[in-house]
Amino acid sequence: MEEIRKHEDIPGVEWVPAPRPFISVDASRCTGCGDCLRVCLAGVFRLRDKKAEVAGLDRCMECASCLFICEAGAVDFNWPAQGTGYRSEWG
């Protein structure tokens, strides 16, 4: 059975966890600019030792903004097969 998660601060949206992590950061390429943190509305990233890392995927909306904003190419984003189960009332 699927484990459906909801967050009170994001009404109308629910998630089914991905079977494996689908976003990672290559620390050797990360410049620590923080663009991924600024563009991510879900708070997926944090800075540690002046490098971005994935803090958690439980609120990720699979928009891939982090992938497109990272000029250094440090973000690796592989959409999970069939998505994570991100669903909204709006489609």
N, C-alpha and C. Protein backbone atom coordinates (compact mmCIF):
# COMPACT_ATOMS: atom_id res chain seq x y z
N MET A 1 0.83 -1.18 0.00
CA MET A 1 0.00 0.00 0.00
C MET A 1 0.88 1.25 0.00
N GLU A 2 0.48 2.27 -0.76
CA GLU A 2 1.23 3.50 -0.86
C GLU A 2 1.14 4.31 0.42
N GLU A 3 2.27 4.91 0.80
CA GLU A 3 2.30 5.82 1.95
C GLU A 3 2.10 7.23 1.41
N ILE A 4 0.92 7.79 1.59
CA ILE A 4 0.62 9.12 1.08
C ILE A 4 0.94 10.14 2.15
N ARG A 5 1.68 11.20 1.75
CA ARG A 5 2.04 12.26 2.68
C ARG A 5 1.39 13.56 2.24
N LYS A 6 0.98 14.34 3.22
CA LYS A 6 0.44 15.67 2.96
C LYS A 6 1.13 16.64 3.90
N HIS A 7 1.21 17.89 3.47
CA HIS A 7 1.80 18.94 4.28
C HIS A 7 0.76 20.05 4.43
N GLU A 8 0.46 20.45 5.65
CA GLU A 8 -0.58 21.45 5.89
C GLU A 8 -0.32 22.77 5.19
N ASP A 9 0.96 23.14 5.03
CA ASP A 9 1.27 24.41 4.40
C ASP A 9 1.21 24.36 2.87
N ILE A 10 0.93 23.18 2.30
CA ILE A 10 0.77 23.04 0.85
C ILE A 10 -0.56 22.31 0.60
N PRO A 11 -1.67 23.04 0.70
CA PRO A 11 -2.98 22.38 0.56
C PRO A 11 -3.23 21.87 -0.85
N GLY A 12 -3.97 20.79 -0.93
CA GLY A 12 -4.34 20.24 -2.22
C GLY A 12 -3.29 19.40 -2.90
N VAL A 13 -2.20 19.08 -2.20
CA VAL A 13 -1.11 18.31 -2.80
C VAL A 13 -0.79 17.13 -1.89
N GLU A 14 -0.51 16.00 -2.51
CA GLU A 14 -0.07 14.82 -1.75
C GLU A 14 1.05 14.13 -2.52
N TRP A 15 1.87 13.39 -1.78
CA TRP A 15 3.04 12.71 -2.35
C TRP A 15 3.04 11.24 -1.96
N VAL A 16 3.53 10.43 -2.86
CA VAL A 16 3.85 9.03 -2.59
C VAL A 16 5.37 8.95 -2.74
N PRO A 17 6.09 8.47 -1.74
CA PRO A 17 7.56 8.49 -1.79
C PRO A 17 8.14 7.77 -3.01
N ALA A 18 9.26 8.30 -3.48
CA ALA A 18 9.99 7.67 -4.59
C ALA A 18 10.67 6.41 -4.07
N PRO A 19 10.84 5.42 -4.91
CA PRO A 19 11.50 4.18 -4.48
C PRO A 19 12.99 4.35 -4.21
N ARG A 20 13.59 5.45 -4.73
CA ARG A 20 15.01 5.71 -4.52
C ARG A 20 15.24 7.21 -4.64
N PRO A 21 16.33 7.72 -4.09
CA PRO A 21 16.64 9.14 -4.28
C PRO A 21 16.80 9.46 -5.77
N PHE A 22 16.27 10.61 -6.21
CA PHE A 22 16.35 10.96 -7.62
C PHE A 22 17.03 12.30 -7.87
N ILE A 23 17.49 12.95 -6.81
CA ILE A 23 18.27 14.18 -6.93
C ILE A 23 19.53 14.02 -6.09
N SER A 24 20.65 14.43 -6.65
CA SER A 24 21.90 14.44 -5.89
C SER A 24 22.71 15.65 -6.32
N VAL A 25 23.71 15.99 -5.52
CA VAL A 25 24.59 17.11 -5.83
C VAL A 25 26.02 16.59 -5.86
N ASP A 26 26.73 16.89 -6.93
CA ASP A 26 28.14 16.54 -7.06
C ASP A 26 28.94 17.64 -6.35
N ALA A 27 29.41 17.35 -5.16
CA ALA A 27 30.12 18.34 -4.35
C ALA A 27 31.38 18.87 -5.04
N SER A 28 32.00 18.06 -5.88
CA SER A 28 33.21 18.51 -6.57
C SER A 28 32.91 19.59 -7.61
N ARG A 29 31.66 19.66 -8.08
CA ARG A 29 31.27 20.67 -9.07
C ARG A 29 30.53 21.84 -8.44
N CYS A 30 29.97 21.64 -7.26
CA CYS A 30 29.16 22.67 -6.60
C CYS A 30 30.04 23.86 -6.20
N THR A 31 29.58 25.07 -6.55
CA THR A 31 30.32 26.29 -6.22
C THR A 31 29.82 26.92 -4.92
N GLY A 32 28.72 26.39 -4.38
CA GLY A 32 28.16 26.95 -3.15
C GLY A 32 27.39 28.24 -3.38
N CYS A 33 26.98 28.52 -4.61
CA CYS A 33 26.29 29.77 -4.93
C CYS A 33 24.92 29.87 -4.27
N GLY A 34 24.28 28.73 -4.01
CA GLY A 34 22.97 28.73 -3.35
C GLY A 34 21.79 28.93 -4.27
N ASP A 35 22.01 28.96 -5.57
CA ASP A 35 20.89 29.14 -6.50
C ASP A 35 19.84 28.04 -6.36
N CYS A 36 20.27 26.80 -6.13
CA CYS A 36 19.31 25.70 -5.97
C CYS A 36 18.43 25.92 -4.74
N LEU A 37 18.99 26.46 -3.68
CA LEU A 37 18.20 26.75 -2.47
C LEU A 37 17.17 27.84 -2.75
N ARG A 38 17.57 28.86 -3.49
CA ARG A 38 16.67 29.98 -3.76
C ARG A 38 15.53 29.60 -4.70
N VAL A 39 15.80 28.74 -5.67
CA VAL A 39 14.78 28.42 -6.66
C VAL A 39 13.83 27.32 -6.17
N CYS A 40 14.23 26.52 -5.22
CA CYS A 40 13.42 25.38 -4.76
C CYS A 40 12.39 25.82 -3.73
N LEU A 41 11.12 25.75 -4.11
CA LEU A 41 10.04 26.13 -3.21
C LEU A 41 9.77 25.06 -2.16
N ALA A 42 10.32 23.87 -2.36
CA ALA A 42 10.07 22.75 -1.46
C ALA A 42 11.13 22.58 -0.38
N GLY A 43 12.18 23.37 -0.41
CA GLY A 43 13.23 23.27 0.60
C GLY A 43 14.02 21.98 0.53
N VAL A 44 14.24 21.48 -0.67
CA VAL A 44 14.95 20.21 -0.86
C VAL A 44 16.43 20.33 -0.48
N PHE A 45 17.02 21.51 -0.64
CA PHE A 45 18.47 21.68 -0.47
C PHE A 45 18.83 22.46 0.79
N ARG A 46 20.07 22.26 1.23
CA ARG A 46 20.68 23.05 2.29
C ARG A 46 22.16 23.20 1.96
N LEU A 47 22.80 24.18 2.57
CA LEU A 47 24.25 24.35 2.41
C LEU A 47 24.95 23.76 3.62
N ARG A 48 25.99 22.99 3.35
CA ARG A 48 26.83 22.43 4.42
C ARG A 48 28.27 22.54 3.94
N ASP A 49 29.10 23.14 4.76
CA ASP A 49 30.51 23.35 4.40
C ASP A 49 30.64 24.04 3.05
N LYS A 50 29.78 25.03 2.82
CA LYS A 50 29.79 25.86 1.60
C LYS A 50 29.49 25.07 0.33
N LYS A 51 28.78 23.96 0.47
CA LYS A 51 28.36 23.15 -0.67
C LYS A 51 26.88 22.80 -0.48
N ALA A 52 26.15 22.73 -1.58
CA ALA A 52 24.74 22.32 -1.51
C ALA A 52 24.67 20.81 -1.33
N GLU A 53 23.63 20.39 -0.63
CA GLU A 53 23.34 18.97 -0.50
C GLU A 53 21.83 18.81 -0.39
N VAL A 54 21.36 17.61 -0.65
CA VAL A 54 19.93 17.32 -0.54
C VAL A 54 19.57 17.15 0.92
N ALA A 55 18.63 17.97 1.38
CA ALA A 55 18.17 17.90 2.76
C ALA A 55 17.04 16.88 2.90
N GLY A 56 16.24 16.73 1.86
CA GLY A 56 15.13 15.78 1.88
C GLY A 56 14.25 15.95 0.67
N LEU A 57 13.69 14.86 0.21
CA LEU A 57 12.86 14.88 -0.99
C LEU A 57 11.36 14.78 -0.70
N ASP A 58 10.98 14.81 0.58
CA ASP A 58 9.58 14.54 0.92
C ASP A 58 8.61 15.63 0.45
N ARG A 59 9.11 16.80 0.03
CA ARG A 59 8.24 17.87 -0.45
C ARG A 59 8.53 18.25 -1.91
N CYS A 60 9.43 17.50 -2.56
CA CYS A 60 9.83 17.82 -3.93
C CYS A 60 8.64 17.69 -4.89
N MET A 61 8.48 18.70 -5.74
CA MET A 61 7.40 18.69 -6.72
C MET A 61 7.88 18.31 -8.11
N GLU A 62 9.11 17.82 -8.20
CA GLU A 62 9.67 17.31 -9.46
C GLU A 62 9.67 18.34 -10.58
N CYS A 63 9.84 19.62 -10.24
CA CYS A 63 9.84 20.67 -11.26
C CYS A 63 11.17 20.76 -11.99
N ALA A 64 12.24 20.27 -11.39
CA ALA A 64 13.60 20.28 -11.95
C ALA A 64 14.18 21.68 -12.08
N SER A 65 13.63 22.65 -11.38
CA SER A 65 14.20 24.00 -11.40
C SER A 65 15.65 23.98 -10.94
N CYS A 66 15.94 23.14 -9.97
CA CYS A 66 17.31 23.03 -9.45
C CYS A 66 18.28 22.60 -10.54
N LEU A 67 17.85 21.69 -11.38
CA LEU A 67 18.70 21.20 -12.47
C LEU A 67 18.99 22.33 -13.46
N PHE A 68 17.98 23.08 -13.81
CA PHE A 68 18.12 24.12 -14.83
C PHE A 68 18.84 25.37 -14.32
N ILE A 69 18.75 25.67 -13.02
CA ILE A 69 19.37 26.87 -12.47
C ILE A 69 20.86 26.68 -12.19
N CYS A 70 21.30 25.44 -12.02
CA CYS A 70 22.68 25.18 -11.62
C CYS A 70 23.64 25.33 -12.81
N GLU A 71 24.31 26.47 -12.87
CA GLU A 71 25.24 26.74 -13.96
C GLU A 71 26.47 25.84 -13.91
N ALA A 72 26.82 25.36 -12.73
CA ALA A 72 27.99 24.48 -12.58
C ALA A 72 27.70 23.05 -12.99
N GLY A 73 26.44 22.71 -13.19
CA GLY A 73 26.08 21.34 -13.55
C GLY A 73 26.26 20.36 -12.41
N ALA A 74 26.13 20.86 -11.18
CA ALA A 74 26.35 20.00 -10.02
C ALA A 74 25.12 19.20 -9.61
N VAL A 75 23.94 19.61 -10.05
CA VAL A 75 22.72 18.91 -9.67
C VAL A 75 22.42 17.80 -10.67
N ASP A 76 22.25 16.61 -10.16
CA ASP A 76 21.87 15.45 -10.98
C ASP A 76 20.42 15.14 -10.65
N PHE A 77 19.55 15.24 -11.62
CA PHE A 77 18.11 15.06 -11.42
C PHE A 77 17.63 13.99 -12.39
N ASN A 78 17.18 12.88 -11.85
CA ASN A 78 16.66 11.77 -12.66
C ASN A 78 15.24 11.50 -12.21
N TRP A 79 14.28 11.95 -13.01
CA TRP A 79 12.89 11.72 -12.64
C TRP A 79 12.67 10.23 -12.38
N PRO A 80 12.05 9.90 -11.25
CA PRO A 80 11.76 8.49 -10.99
C PRO A 80 10.70 7.98 -11.96
N ALA A 81 10.79 6.70 -12.29
CA ALA A 81 9.79 6.11 -13.17
C ALA A 81 8.40 6.34 -12.60
N GLN A 82 7.50 6.82 -13.40
CA GLN A 82 6.14 7.17 -13.00
C GLN A 82 6.10 8.29 -11.95
N GLY A 83 7.18 9.01 -11.75
CA GLY A 83 7.21 10.10 -10.76
C GLY A 83 7.15 9.56 -9.34
N THR A 84 7.13 10.47 -8.39
CA THR A 84 7.06 10.06 -7.00
C THR A 84 5.62 9.91 -6.55
N GLY A 85 4.70 10.24 -7.42
CA GLY A 85 3.33 10.21 -7.01
C GLY A 85 2.85 11.57 -6.55
N TYR A 86 3.57 12.62 -6.97
CA TYR A 86 3.13 13.98 -6.67
C TYR A 86 1.77 14.17 -7.35
N ARG A 87 0.77 14.49 -6.55
CA ARG A 87 -0.57 14.68 -7.10
C ARG A 87 -1.16 15.95 -6.51
N SER A 88 -1.93 16.65 -7.33
CA SER A 88 -2.60 17.85 -6.82
C SER A 88 -4.06 17.85 -7.26
N GLU A 89 -4.82 18.69 -6.62
CA GLU A 89 -6.23 18.82 -6.99
C GLU A 89 -6.39 19.47 -8.35
N TRP A 90 -5.31 20.04 -8.89
CA TRP A 90 -5.38 20.81 -10.12
C TRP A 90 -4.85 20.07 -11.33
N GLY A 91 -4.59 18.78 -11.20
CA GLY A 91 -4.18 18.03 -12.38
C GLY A 91 -2.87 17.36 -12.28
